[in-house]
Amino acid sequence: MIDIYYKSGVSLKGVQPQVMHGLLMCARGYERFGAPNMWVTSVCDGKHKEGSKHYDGLAFDLRTNMYDDEQKQKLAAILRSILEDEWDVVVEATHIHVEFDPD
């Protein structure tokens, strides 16, 4: 399995167990994609839109600034194929947002 790194200041305080499982599954996806590692840029920290799952410990962001748009879409497709249906994977301008959303 590839290494998972956390950006300085990332907080796991209040993280839900589903997110830890999701992070491990995403690391498998990054490995399948051929990435040397996976960087987590936010979990229960930072500023997010109102009602964000980050505030409930049910979301995380993954660094993608080293990839072009086509690579980001390919990586997101791999993550979606690995995660269960309860997960949303959204490609943002600066990261991939992943959240546990069983509704």
PDB file of N, CA and C in Angstrom:
ATOM      1  N   MET A   1       0.846  -1.177   0.000  1.00  0.00           N
ATOM      2  CA  MET A   1       0.000   0.000   0.000  1.00  0.00           C
ATOM      3  C   MET A   1       0.893   1.243   0.000  1.00  0.00           C
ATOM      4  N   ILE A   2       0.410   2.283  -0.660  1.00  0.00           N
ATOM      5  CA  ILE A   2       1.170   3.530  -0.714  1.00  0.00           C
ATOM      6  C   ILE A   2       1.094   4.257   0.623  1.00  0.00           C
ATOM      7  N   ASP A   3       1.971   5.242   0.811  1.00  0.00           N
ATOM      8  CA  ASP A   3       1.975   6.047   2.022  1.00  0.00           C
ATOM      9  C   ASP A   3       0.881   7.100   1.956  1.00  0.00           C
ATOM     10  N   ILE A   4       0.249   7.349   3.093  1.00  0.00           N
ATOM     11  CA  ILE A   4      -0.737   8.411   3.229  1.00  0.00           C
ATOM     12  C   ILE A   4      -0.097   9.516   4.058  1.00  0.00           C
ATOM     13  N   TYR A   5      -0.089  10.729   3.520  1.00  0.00           N
ATOM     14  CA  TYR A   5       0.468  11.889   4.210  1.00  0.00           C
ATOM     15  C   TYR A   5      -0.645  12.878   4.510  1.00  0.00           C
ATOM     16  N   TYR A   6      -0.464  13.628   5.580  1.00  0.00           N
ATOM     17  CA  TYR A   6      -1.436  14.633   5.982  1.00  0.00           C
ATOM     18  C   TYR A   6      -0.769  15.997   5.961  1.00  0.00           C
ATOM     19  N   LYS A   7      -1.401  16.952   5.268  1.00  0.00           N
ATOM     20  CA  LYS A   7      -0.903  18.319   5.243  1.00  0.00           C
ATOM     21  C   LYS A   7      -0.851  18.845   6.675  1.00  0.00           C
ATOM     22  N   SER A   8       0.128  19.668   6.961  1.00  0.00           N
ATOM     23  CA  SER A   8       0.252  20.266   8.285  1.00  0.00           C
ATOM     24  C   SER A   8      -1.051  20.962   8.666  1.00  0.00           C
ATOM     25  N   GLY A   9      -1.536  20.691   9.859  1.00  0.00           N
ATOM     26  CA  GLY A   9      -2.758  21.316  10.352  1.00  0.00           C
ATOM     27  C   GLY A   9      -4.016  20.493  10.144  1.00  0.00           C
ATOM     28  N   VAL A  10      -3.917  19.394   9.420  1.00  0.00           N
ATOM     29  CA  VAL A  10      -5.090  18.539   9.230  1.00  0.00           C
ATOM     30  C   VAL A  10      -5.480  17.937  10.572  1.00  0.00           C
ATOM     31  N   SER A  11      -6.758  18.051  10.900  1.00  0.00           N
ATOM     32  CA  SER A  11      -7.249  17.540  12.177  1.00  0.00           C
ATOM     33  C   SER A  11      -8.142  16.326  11.961  1.00  0.00           C
ATOM     34  N   LEU A  12      -7.900  15.300  12.762  1.00  0.00           N
ATOM     35  CA  LEU A  12      -8.748  14.116  12.765  1.00  0.00           C
ATOM     36  C   LEU A  12      -9.676  14.102  13.979  1.00  0.00           C
ATOM     37  N   LYS A  13      -9.673  15.185  14.741  1.00  0.00           N
ATOM     38  CA  LYS A  13     -10.520  15.271  15.929  1.00  0.00           C
ATOM     39  C   LYS A  13     -11.986  15.283  15.501  1.00  0.00           C
ATOM     40  N   GLY A  14     -12.718  14.276  15.921  1.00  0.00           N
ATOM     41  CA  GLY A  14     -14.128  14.162  15.567  1.00  0.00           C
ATOM     42  C   GLY A  14     -14.389  13.345  14.320  1.00  0.00           C
ATOM     43  N   VAL A  15     -13.340  12.757  13.746  1.00  0.00           N
ATOM     44  CA  VAL A  15     -13.518  11.960  12.528  1.00  0.00           C
ATOM     45  C   VAL A  15     -14.323  10.705  12.842  1.00  0.00           C
ATOM     46  N   GLN A  16     -15.187  10.341  11.916  1.00  0.00           N
ATOM     47  CA  GLN A  16     -16.025   9.152  12.074  1.00  0.00           C
ATOM     48  C   GLN A  16     -15.310   7.926  11.488  1.00  0.00           C
ATOM     49  N   PRO A  17     -15.598   6.740  12.005  1.00  0.00           N
ATOM     50  CA  PRO A  17     -14.918   5.524  11.535  1.00  0.00           C
ATOM     51  C   PRO A  17     -15.041   5.298  10.026  1.00  0.00           C
ATOM     52  N   GLN A  18     -16.154   5.697   9.443  1.00  0.00           N
ATOM     53  CA  GLN A  18     -16.340   5.507   8.007  1.00  0.00           C
ATOM     54  C   GLN A  18     -15.254   6.225   7.209  1.00  0.00           C
ATOM     55  N   VAL A  19     -14.822   7.391   7.694  1.00  0.00           N
ATOM     56  CA  VAL A  19     -13.803   8.169   6.990  1.00  0.00           C
ATOM     57  C   VAL A  19     -12.458   7.444   7.022  1.00  0.00           C
ATOM     58  N   MET A  20     -12.130   6.840   8.127  1.00  0.00           N
ATOM     59  CA  MET A  20     -10.859   6.113   8.185  1.00  0.00           C
ATOM     60  C   MET A  20     -10.878   4.959   7.181  1.00  0.00           C
ATOM     61  N   HIS A  21     -11.994   4.275   7.073  1.00  0.00           N
ATOM     62  CA  HIS A  21     -12.148   3.222   6.071  1.00  0.00           C
ATOM     63  C   HIS A  21     -12.035   3.820   4.662  1.00  0.00           C
ATOM     64  N   GLY A  22     -12.694   4.955   4.450  1.00  0.00           N
ATOM     65  CA  GLY A  22     -12.648   5.609   3.147  1.00  0.00           C
ATOM     66  C   GLY A  22     -11.245   6.035   2.750  1.00  0.00           C
ATOM     67  N   LEU A  23     -10.482   6.523   3.712  1.00  0.00           N
ATOM     68  CA  LEU A  23      -9.099   6.915   3.425  1.00  0.00           C
ATOM     69  C   LEU A  23      -8.266   5.718   2.972  1.00  0.00           C
ATOM     70  N   LEU A  24      -8.436   4.602   3.645  1.00  0.00           N
ATOM     71  CA  LEU A  24      -7.692   3.394   3.259  1.00  0.00           C
ATOM     72  C   LEU A  24      -8.106   2.904   1.873  1.00  0.00           C
ATOM     73  N   MET A  25      -9.391   2.969   1.582  1.00  0.00           N
ATOM     74  CA  MET A  25      -9.864   2.560   0.263  1.00  0.00           C
ATOM     75  C   MET A  25      -9.327   3.506  -0.817  1.00  0.00           C
ATOM     76  N   CYS A  26      -9.290   4.805  -0.523  1.00  0.00           N
ATOM     77  CA  CYS A  26      -8.763   5.766  -1.492  1.00  0.00           C
ATOM     78  C   CYS A  26      -7.270   5.556  -1.723  1.00  0.00           C
ATOM     79  N   ALA A  27      -6.547   5.164  -0.687  1.00  0.00           N
ATOM     80  CA  ALA A  27      -5.121   4.871  -0.868  1.00  0.00           C
ATOM     81  C   ALA A  27      -4.955   3.733  -1.870  1.00  0.00           C
ATOM     82  N   ARG A  28      -5.838   2.743  -1.825  1.00  0.00           N
ATOM     83  CA  ARG A  28      -5.802   1.671  -2.823  1.00  0.00           C
ATOM     84  C   ARG A  28      -6.062   2.230  -4.221  1.00  0.00           C
ATOM     85  N   GLY A  29      -6.978   3.188  -4.295  1.00  0.00           N
ATOM     86  CA  GLY A  29      -7.275   3.812  -5.577  1.00  0.00           C
ATOM     87  C   GLY A  29      -6.097   4.606  -6.124  1.00  0.00           C
ATOM     88  N   TYR A  30      -5.426   5.351  -5.257  1.00  0.00           N
ATOM     89  CA  TYR A  30      -4.234   6.103  -5.683  1.00  0.00           C
ATOM     90  C   TYR A  30      -3.153   5.133  -6.156  1.00  0.00           C
ATOM     91  N   GLU A  31      -3.042   4.013  -5.465  1.00  0.00           N
ATOM     92  CA  GLU A  31      -2.059   2.995  -5.859  1.00  0.00           C
ATOM     93  C   GLU A  31      -2.405   2.437  -7.243  1.00  0.00           C
ATOM     94  N   ARG A  32      -3.666   2.119  -7.461  1.00  0.00           N
ATOM     95  CA  ARG A  32      -4.113   1.608  -8.755  1.00  0.00           C
ATOM     96  C   ARG A  32      -3.860   2.644  -9.859  1.00  0.00           C
ATOM     97  N   PHE A  33      -4.027   3.918  -9.514  1.00  0.00           N
ATOM     98  CA  PHE A  33      -3.796   5.017 -10.452  1.00  0.00           C
ATOM     99  C   PHE A  33      -2.314   5.150 -10.806  1.00  0.00           C
ATOM    100  N   GLY A  34      -1.456   4.646  -9.903  1.00  0.00           N
ATOM    101  CA  GLY A  34      -0.016   4.722 -10.127  1.00  0.00           C
ATOM    102  C   GLY A  34       0.662   5.853  -9.380  1.00  0.00           C
ATOM    103  N   ALA A  35      -0.032   6.435  -8.429  1.00  0.00           N
ATOM    104  CA  ALA A  35       0.530   7.529  -7.636  1.00  0.00           C
ATOM    105  C   ALA A  35       1.543   6.987  -6.632  1.00  0.00           C
ATOM    106  N   PRO A  36       2.591   7.748  -6.332  1.00  0.00           N
ATOM    107  CA  PRO A  36       3.579   7.292  -5.360  1.00  0.00           C
ATOM    108  C   PRO A  36       3.099   7.423  -3.913  1.00  0.00           C
ATOM    109  N   ASN A  37       2.094   8.292  -3.683  1.00  0.00           N
ATOM    110  CA  ASN A  37       1.568   8.518  -2.337  1.00  0.00           C
ATOM    111  C   ASN A  37       0.229   9.241  -2.450  1.00  0.00           C
ATOM    112  N   MET A  38      -0.398   9.471  -1.304  1.00  0.00           N
ATOM    113  CA  MET A  38      -1.667  10.190  -1.252  1.00  0.00           C
ATOM    114  C   MET A  38      -1.569  11.243  -0.162  1.00  0.00           C
ATOM    115  N   TRP A  39      -1.916  12.482  -0.504  1.00  0.00           N
ATOM    116  CA  TRP A  39      -1.896  13.582   0.458  1.00  0.00           C
ATOM    117  C   TRP A  39      -3.322  13.974   0.826  1.00  0.00           C
ATOM    118  N   VAL A  40      -3.613  13.981   2.126  1.00  0.00           N
ATOM    119  CA  VAL A  40      -4.895  14.431   2.651  1.00  0.00           C
ATOM    120  C   VAL A  40      -4.710  15.893   3.058  1.00  0.00           C
ATOM    121  N   THR A  41      -5.552  16.771   2.504  1.00  0.00           N
ATOM    122  CA  THR A  41      -5.385  18.202   2.780  1.00  0.00           C
ATOM    123  C   THR A  41      -6.396  18.751   3.771  1.00  0.00           C
ATOM    124  N   SER A  42      -7.462  18.015   4.042  1.00  0.00           N
ATOM    125  CA  SER A  42      -8.445  18.457   5.031  1.00  0.00           C
ATOM    126  C   SER A  42      -9.311  17.280   5.440  1.00  0.00           C
ATOM    127  N   VAL A  43      -9.658  17.253   6.727  1.00  0.00           N
ATOM    128  CA  VAL A  43     -10.630  16.278   7.227  1.00  0.00           C
ATOM    129  C   VAL A  43     -11.637  17.059   8.069  1.00  0.00           C
ATOM    130  N   CYS A  44     -11.363  17.230   9.348  1.00  0.00           N
ATOM    131  CA  CYS A  44     -12.277  17.950  10.242  1.00  0.00           C
ATOM    132  C   CYS A  44     -11.807  19.383  10.490  1.00  0.00           C
ATOM    133  N   ASP A  45     -11.051  19.937   9.595  1.00  0.00           N
ATOM    134  CA  ASP A  45     -10.448  21.250   9.769  1.00  0.00           C
ATOM    135  C   ASP A  45     -10.783  22.119   8.560  1.00  0.00           C
ATOM    136  N   GLY A  46     -10.351  23.356   8.613  1.00  0.00           N
ATOM    137  CA  GLY A  46     -10.514  24.255   7.480  1.00  0.00           C
ATOM    138  C   GLY A  46     -11.898  24.864   7.401  1.00  0.00           C
ATOM    139  N   LYS A  47     -12.068  25.719   6.403  1.00  0.00           N
ATOM    140  CA  LYS A  47     -13.353  26.365   6.158  1.00  0.00           C
ATOM    141  C   LYS A  47     -13.997  25.722   4.944  1.00  0.00           C
ATOM    142  N   HIS A  48     -15.256  25.361   5.119  1.00  0.00           N
ATOM    143  CA  HIS A  48     -16.002  24.698   4.063  1.00  0.00           C
ATOM    144  C   HIS A  48     -17.387  25.319   4.003  1.00  0.00           C
ATOM    145  N   LYS A  49     -18.124  24.982   2.950  1.00  0.00           N
ATOM    146  CA  LYS A  49     -19.462  25.560   2.811  1.00  0.00           C
ATOM    147  C   LYS A  49     -20.360  25.125   3.972  1.00  0.00           C
ATOM    148  N   GLU A  50     -21.363  25.915   4.228  1.00  0.00           N
ATOM    149  CA  GLU A  50     -22.297  25.609   5.310  1.00  0.00           C
ATOM    150  C   GLU A  50     -22.928  24.240   5.073  1.00  0.00           C
ATOM    151  N   GLY A  51     -22.999  23.446   6.126  1.00  0.00           N
ATOM    152  CA  GLY A  51     -23.569  22.120   6.046  1.00  0.00           C
ATOM    153  C   GLY A  51     -22.611  21.052   5.531  1.00  0.00           C
ATOM    154  N   SER A  52     -21.349  21.415   5.364  1.00  0.00           N
ATOM    155  CA  SER A  52     -20.358  20.473   4.854  1.00  0.00           C
ATOM    156  C   SER A  52     -20.224  19.267   5.770  1.00  0.00           C
ATOM    157  N   LYS A  53     -20.010  18.123   5.172  1.00  0.00           N
ATOM    158  CA  LYS A  53     -19.786  16.885   5.933  1.00  0.00           C
ATOM    159  C   LYS A  53     -18.445  16.912   6.677  1.00  0.00           C
ATOM    160  N   HIS A  54     -17.543  17.827   6.301  1.00  0.00           N
ATOM    161  CA  HIS A  54     -16.274  17.966   7.029  1.00  0.00           C
ATOM    162  C   HIS A  54     -16.559  18.249   8.506  1.00  0.00           C
ATOM    163  N   TYR A  55     -17.558  19.091   8.760  1.00  0.00           N
ATOM    164  CA  TYR A  55     -17.856  19.485  10.137  1.00  0.00           C
ATOM    165  C   TYR A  55     -18.431  18.348  10.964  1.00  0.00           C
ATOM    166  N   ASP A  56     -18.925  17.312  10.297  1.00  0.00           N
ATOM    167  CA  ASP A  56     -19.459  16.137  10.991  1.00  0.00           C
ATOM    168  C   ASP A  56     -18.449  14.990  11.025  1.00  0.00           C
ATOM    169  N   GLY A  57     -17.224  15.242  10.535  1.00  0.00           N
ATOM    170  CA  GLY A  57     -16.202  14.194  10.500  1.00  0.00           C
ATOM    171  C   GLY A  57     -16.473  13.136   9.455  1.00  0.00           C
ATOM    172  N   LEU A  58     -17.209  13.514   8.391  1.00  0.00           N
ATOM    173  CA  LEU A  58     -17.610  12.536   7.378  1.00  0.00           C
ATOM    174  C   LEU A  58     -17.095  12.875   5.980  1.00  0.00           C
ATOM    175  N   ALA A  59     -16.073  13.723   5.886  1.00  0.00           N
ATOM    176  CA  ALA A  59     -15.529  14.088   4.568  1.00  0.00           C
ATOM    177  C   ALA A  59     -14.037  14.355   4.674  1.00  0.00           C
ATOM    178  N   PHE A  60     -13.370  14.222   3.528  1.00  0.00           N
ATOM    179  CA  PHE A  60     -11.953  14.568   3.460  1.00  0.00           C
ATOM    180  C   PHE A  60     -11.623  15.023   2.048  1.00  0.00           C
ATOM    181  N   ASP A  61     -10.519  15.752   1.938  1.00  0.00           N
ATOM    182  CA  ASP A  61     -10.046  16.266   0.657  1.00  0.00           C
ATOM    183  C   ASP A  61      -8.677  15.676   0.347  1.00  0.00           C
ATOM    184  N   LEU A  62      -8.467  15.393  -0.929  1.00  0.00           N
ATOM    185  CA  LEU A  62      -7.222  14.781  -1.391  1.00  0.00           C
ATOM    186  C   LEU A  62      -6.542  15.697  -2.399  1.00  0.00           C
ATOM    187  N   ARG A  63      -5.255  15.912  -2.236  1.00  0.00           N
ATOM    188  CA  ARG A  63      -4.482  16.797  -3.109  1.00  0.00           C
ATOM    189  C   ARG A  63      -4.433  16.249  -4.535  1.00  0.00           C
ATOM    190  N   THR A  64      -4.614  17.170  -5.482  1.00  0.00           N
ATOM    191  CA  THR A  64      -4.557  16.785  -6.902  1.00  0.00           C
ATOM    192  C   THR A  64      -3.803  17.807  -7.749  1.00  0.00           C
ATOM    193  N   ASN A  65      -3.128  18.765  -7.127  1.00  0.00           N
ATOM    194  CA  ASN A  65      -2.492  19.843  -7.907  1.00  0.00           C
ATOM    195  C   ASN A  65      -1.376  19.354  -8.822  1.00  0.00           C
ATOM    196  N   MET A  66      -0.969  18.123  -8.674  1.00  0.00           N
ATOM    197  CA  MET A  66       0.086  17.570  -9.531  1.00  0.00           C
ATOM    198  C   MET A  66      -0.469  16.891 -10.777  1.00  0.00           C
ATOM    199  N   TYR A  67      -1.795  16.881 -10.917  1.00  0.00           N
ATOM    200  CA  TYR A  67      -2.441  16.202 -12.029  1.00  0.00           C
ATOM    201  C   TYR A  67      -3.194  17.188 -12.922  1.00  0.00           C
ATOM    202  N   ASP A  68      -3.262  16.861 -14.215  1.00  0.00           N
ATOM    203  CA  ASP A  68      -4.064  17.690 -15.116  1.00  0.00           C
ATOM    204  C   ASP A  68      -5.526  17.248 -15.004  1.00  0.00           C
ATOM    205  N   ASP A  69      -6.424  17.953 -15.689  1.00  0.00           N
ATOM    206  CA  ASP A  69      -7.858  17.685 -15.553  1.00  0.00           C
ATOM    207  C   ASP A  69      -8.230  16.252 -15.952  1.00  0.00           C
ATOM    208  N   GLU A  70      -7.640  15.755 -17.007  1.00  0.00           N
ATOM    209  CA  GLU A  70      -7.931  14.397 -17.454  1.00  0.00           C
ATOM    210  C   GLU A  70      -7.497  13.371 -16.410  1.00  0.00           C
ATOM    211  N   GLN A  71      -6.327  13.576 -15.820  1.00  0.00           N
ATOM    212  CA  GLN A  71      -5.834  12.664 -14.784  1.00  0.00           C
ATOM    213  C   GLN A  71      -6.721  12.722 -13.542  1.00  0.00           C
ATOM    214  N   LYS A  72      -7.174  13.933 -13.164  1.00  0.00           N
ATOM    215  CA  LYS A  72      -8.063  14.074 -12.007  1.00  0.00           C
ATOM    216  C   LYS A  72      -9.352  13.291 -12.229  1.00  0.00           C
ATOM    217  N   GLN A  73      -9.911  13.386 -13.431  1.00  0.00           N
ATOM    218  CA  GLN A  73     -11.150  12.664 -13.731  1.00  0.00           C
ATOM    219  C   GLN A  73     -10.922  11.151 -13.694  1.00  0.00           C
ATOM    220  N   LYS A  74      -9.783  10.707 -14.208  1.00  0.00           N
ATOM    221  CA  LYS A  74      -9.459   9.278 -14.187  1.00  0.00           C
ATOM    222  C   LYS A  74      -9.309   8.785 -12.754  1.00  0.00           C
ATOM    223  N   LEU A  75      -8.592   9.555 -11.928  1.00  0.00           N
ATOM    224  CA  LEU A  75      -8.414   9.191 -10.523  1.00  0.00           C
ATOM    225  C   LEU A  75      -9.761   9.135  -9.810  1.00  0.00           C
ATOM    226  N   ALA A  76     -10.606  10.138 -10.031  1.00  0.00           N
ATOM    227  CA  ALA A  76     -11.923  10.162  -9.395  1.00  0.00           C
ATOM    228  C   ALA A  76     -12.747   8.948  -9.805  1.00  0.00           C
ATOM    229  N   ALA A  77     -12.663   8.556 -11.070  1.00  0.00           N
ATOM    230  CA  ALA A  77     -13.401   7.378 -11.536  1.00  0.00           C
ATOM    231  C   ALA A  77     -12.908   6.121 -10.823  1.00  0.00           C
ATOM    232  N   ILE A  78     -11.615   6.026 -10.614  1.00  0.00           N
ATOM    233  CA  ILE A  78     -11.060   4.879  -9.884  1.00  0.00           C
ATOM    234  C   ILE A  78     -11.570   4.876  -8.447  1.00  0.00           C
ATOM    235  N   LEU A  79     -11.562   6.035  -7.810  1.00  0.00           N
ATOM    236  CA  LEU A  79     -12.040   6.126  -6.427  1.00  0.00           C
ATOM    237  C   LEU A  79     -13.504   5.730  -6.340  1.00  0.00           C
ATOM    238  N   ARG A  80     -14.308   6.213  -7.283  1.00  0.00           N
ATOM    239  CA  ARG A  80     -15.738   5.853  -7.288  1.00  0.00           C
ATOM    240  C   ARG A  80     -15.928   4.344  -7.454  1.00  0.00           C
ATOM    241  N   SER A  81     -15.081   3.718  -8.246  1.00  0.00           N
ATOM    242  CA  SER A  81     -15.219   2.275  -8.472  1.00  0.00           C
ATOM    243  C   SER A  81     -14.840   1.460  -7.242  1.00  0.00           C
ATOM    244  N   ILE A  82     -14.009   2.030  -6.390  1.00  0.00           N
ATOM    245  CA  ILE A  82     -13.548   1.321  -5.195  1.00  0.00           C
ATOM    246  C   ILE A  82     -14.479   1.552  -3.998  1.00  0.00           C
ATOM    247  N   LEU A  83     -14.964   2.775  -3.861  1.00  0.00           N
ATOM    248  CA  LEU A  83     -15.815   3.109  -2.723  1.00  0.00           C
ATOM    249  C   LEU A  83     -17.240   2.588  -2.935  1.00  0.00           C
ATOM    250  N   GLU A  84     -17.926   2.355  -1.849  1.00  0.00           N
ATOM    251  CA  GLU A  84     -19.300   1.902  -1.916  1.00  0.00           C
ATOM    252  C   GLU A  84     -20.213   3.044  -2.365  1.00  0.00           C
ATOM    253  N   ASP A  85     -21.475   2.701  -2.658  1.00  0.00           N
ATOM    254  CA  ASP A  85     -22.439   3.680  -3.159  1.00  0.00           C
ATOM    255  C   ASP A  85     -22.723   4.817  -2.180  1.00  0.00           C
ATOM    256  N   GLU A  86     -22.439   4.610  -0.912  1.00  0.00           N
ATOM    257  CA  GLU A  86     -22.722   5.651   0.090  1.00  0.00           C
ATOM    258  C   GLU A  86     -21.740   6.822   0.023  1.00  0.00           C
ATOM    259  N   TRP A  87     -20.754   6.743  -0.852  1.00  0.00           N
ATOM    260  CA  TRP A  87     -19.722   7.767  -0.953  1.00  0.00           C
ATOM    261  C   TRP A  87     -19.921   8.647  -2.177  1.00  0.00           C
ATOM    262  N   ASP A  88     -19.672   9.949  -1.998  1.00  0.00           N
ATOM    263  CA  ASP A  88     -19.647  10.900  -3.104  1.00  0.00           C
ATOM    264  C   ASP A  88     -18.200  11.300  -3.348  1.00  0.00           C
ATOM    265  N   VAL A  89     -17.800  11.359  -4.603  1.00  0.00           N
ATOM    266  CA  VAL A  89     -16.452  11.762  -5.002  1.00  0.00           C
ATOM    267  C   VAL A  89     -16.618  12.914  -5.988  1.00  0.00           C
ATOM    268  N   VAL A  90     -16.125  14.099  -5.604  1.00  0.00           N
ATOM    269  CA  VAL A  90     -16.317  15.301  -6.411  1.00  0.00           C
ATOM    270  C   VAL A  90     -14.967  15.908  -6.743  1.00  0.00           C
ATOM    271  N   VAL A  91     -14.722  16.112  -8.039  1.00  0.00           N
ATOM    272  CA  VAL A  91     -13.484  16.768  -8.459  1.00  0.00           C
ATOM    273  C   VAL A  91     -13.676  18.275  -8.334  1.00  0.00           C
ATOM    274  N   GLU A  92     -12.870  18.890  -7.489  1.00  0.00           N
ATOM    275  CA  GLU A  92     -12.867  20.341  -7.314  1.00  0.00           C
ATOM    276  C   GLU A  92     -11.646  20.897  -8.038  1.00  0.00           C
ATOM    277  N   ALA A  93     -11.523  22.221  -8.089  1.00  0.00           N
ATOM    278  CA  ALA A  93     -10.400  22.843  -8.800  1.00  0.00           C
ATOM    279  C   ALA A  93      -9.050  22.462  -8.198  1.00  0.00           C
ATOM    280  N   THR A  94      -8.987  22.347  -6.867  1.00  0.00           N
ATOM    281  CA  THR A  94      -7.701  22.137  -6.197  1.00  0.00           C
ATOM    282  C   THR A  94      -7.567  20.792  -5.496  1.00  0.00           C
ATOM    283  N   HIS A  95      -8.633  19.992  -5.501  1.00  0.00           N
ATOM    284  CA  HIS A  95      -8.601  18.734  -4.761  1.00  0.00           C
ATOM    285  C   HIS A  95      -9.757  17.837  -5.189  1.00  0.00           C
ATOM    286  N   ILE A  96      -9.737  16.615  -4.704  1.00  0.00           N
ATOM    287  CA  ILE A  96     -10.892  15.735  -4.819  1.00  0.00           C
ATOM    288  C   ILE A  96     -11.536  15.662  -3.441  1.00  0.00           C
ATOM    289  N   HIS A  97     -12.806  15.982  -3.406  1.00  0.00           N
ATOM    290  CA  HIS A  97     -13.586  15.940  -2.167  1.00  0.00           C
ATOM    291  C   HIS A  97     -14.283  14.588  -2.099  1.00  0.00           C
ATOM    292  N   VAL A  98     -14.146  13.912  -0.951  1.00  0.00           N
ATOM    293  CA  VAL A  98     -14.762  12.600  -0.745  1.00  0.00           C
ATOM    294  C   VAL A  98     -15.583  12.669   0.528  1.00  0.00           C
ATOM    295  N   GLU A  99     -16.857  12.261   0.444  1.00  0.00           N
ATOM    296  CA  GLU A  99     -17.691  12.303   1.646  1.00  0.00           C
ATOM    297  C   GLU A  99     -18.578  11.072   1.745  1.00  0.00           C
ATOM    298  N   PHE A 100     -18.795  10.683   2.988  1.00  0.00           N
ATOM    299  CA  PHE A 100     -19.704   9.584   3.287  1.00  0.00           C
ATOM    300  C   PHE A 100     -21.096  10.178   3.366  1.00  0.00           C
ATOM    301  N   ASP A 101     -21.982   9.761   2.454  1.00  0.00           N
ATOM    302  CA  ASP A 101     -23.316  10.337   2.351  1.00  0.00           C
ATOM    303  C   ASP A 101     -24.309   9.236   1.991  1.00  0.00           C
ATOM    304  N   PRO A 102     -24.741   8.464   2.982  1.00  0.00           N
ATOM    305  CA  PRO A 102     -25.614   7.321   2.687  1.00  0.00           C
ATOM    306  C   PRO A 102     -27.028   7.696   2.247  1.00  0.00           C
ATOM    307  N   ASP A 103     -27.389   8.964   2.334  1.00  0.00           N
ATOM    308  CA  ASP A 103     -28.760   9.383   1.938  1.00  0.00           C
ATOM    309  C   ASP A 103     -28.928   9.493   0.452  1.00  0.00           C
TER     310      ASP A 103
END
